[in-house]
């Protein structure tokens, strides 16, 4: 494919992305993030605290 054709194709795609509505389902995103947080162990923060506490001593 020649450079002119590729440039035109890229411009078409950019135009489509710019002017089309991309409806994001924020509720689905929120549920996904909450489920990830719930899956993490609760003592993860304590590991970082302990590591930094040892460095200060």
Protein backbone atom coordinates (compact mmCIF):
# COMPACT_ATOMS: atom_id res chain seq x y z
CA UNK A 1 0.00 0.00 0.00
CA UNK A 2 1.39 3.38 -0.99
CA UNK A 3 2.06 6.16 1.49
CA UNK A 4 -0.83 8.27 0.18
CA UNK A 5 -3.33 5.45 0.60
CA UNK A 6 -2.04 4.67 4.09
CA UNK A 7 -2.21 8.33 5.08
CA UNK A 8 -5.81 8.55 3.85
CA UNK A 9 -6.71 5.39 5.75
CA UNK A 10 -5.13 6.76 8.93
CA UNK A 11 -7.02 10.05 8.52
CA UNK A 12 -10.30 8.15 8.07
CA UNK A 13 -9.72 6.13 11.23
CA UNK A 14 -8.72 9.24 13.19
CA UNK A 15 -11.87 11.02 12.00
CA UNK A 16 -14.03 8.08 13.06
CA UNK A 17 -12.44 8.01 16.51
CA UNK A 18 -12.82 11.76 16.92
CA UNK A 19 -16.46 12.07 15.93
CA UNK A 20 -18.08 8.86 17.14
CA UNK A 21 -19.52 8.54 20.59
CA UNK A 22 -17.70 5.97 22.69
CA UNK A 23 -20.16 5.13 25.41
CA UNK A 24 -18.25 3.80 28.37
CA UNK A 25 -20.19 1.77 30.87
CA UNK A 26 -18.81 3.27 34.05
CA UNK A 27 -20.81 0.91 36.25
CA UNK A 28 -19.06 -2.11 34.70
CA UNK A 29 -15.70 -0.42 35.22
CA UNK A 30 -16.54 0.35 38.84
CA UNK A 31 -17.58 -3.26 39.49
CA UNK A 32 -14.37 -4.53 37.90
CA UNK A 33 -12.19 -2.26 40.01
CA UNK A 34 -14.07 -3.15 43.19
CA UNK A 35 -13.73 -6.87 42.48
CA UNK A 36 -9.98 -6.45 41.96
CA UNK A 37 -9.64 -4.60 45.27
CA UNK A 38 -11.62 -7.28 47.07
CA UNK A 39 -9.37 -10.01 45.65
CA UNK A 40 -6.20 -8.44 47.07
CA UNK A 41 -5.02 -9.59 50.48
CA UNK A 42 -5.58 -7.00 53.19
CA UNK A 43 -2.04 -7.25 54.57
CA UNK A 44 -0.44 -6.00 51.35
CA UNK A 45 -0.18 -2.46 52.74
CA UNK A 46 1.47 -3.75 55.89
CA UNK A 47 4.33 -5.25 53.86
CA UNK A 48 5.19 -1.83 52.46
CA UNK A 49 4.93 -0.22 55.88
CA UNK A 50 7.20 -2.81 57.45
CA UNK A 51 9.77 -2.47 54.67
CA UNK A 52 9.97 1.30 55.05
CA UNK A 53 9.95 1.11 58.85
CA UNK A 54 13.06 -1.09 58.76
CA UNK A 55 14.88 1.38 56.49
CA UNK A 56 14.34 4.26 58.90
CA UNK A 57 15.82 2.46 61.93
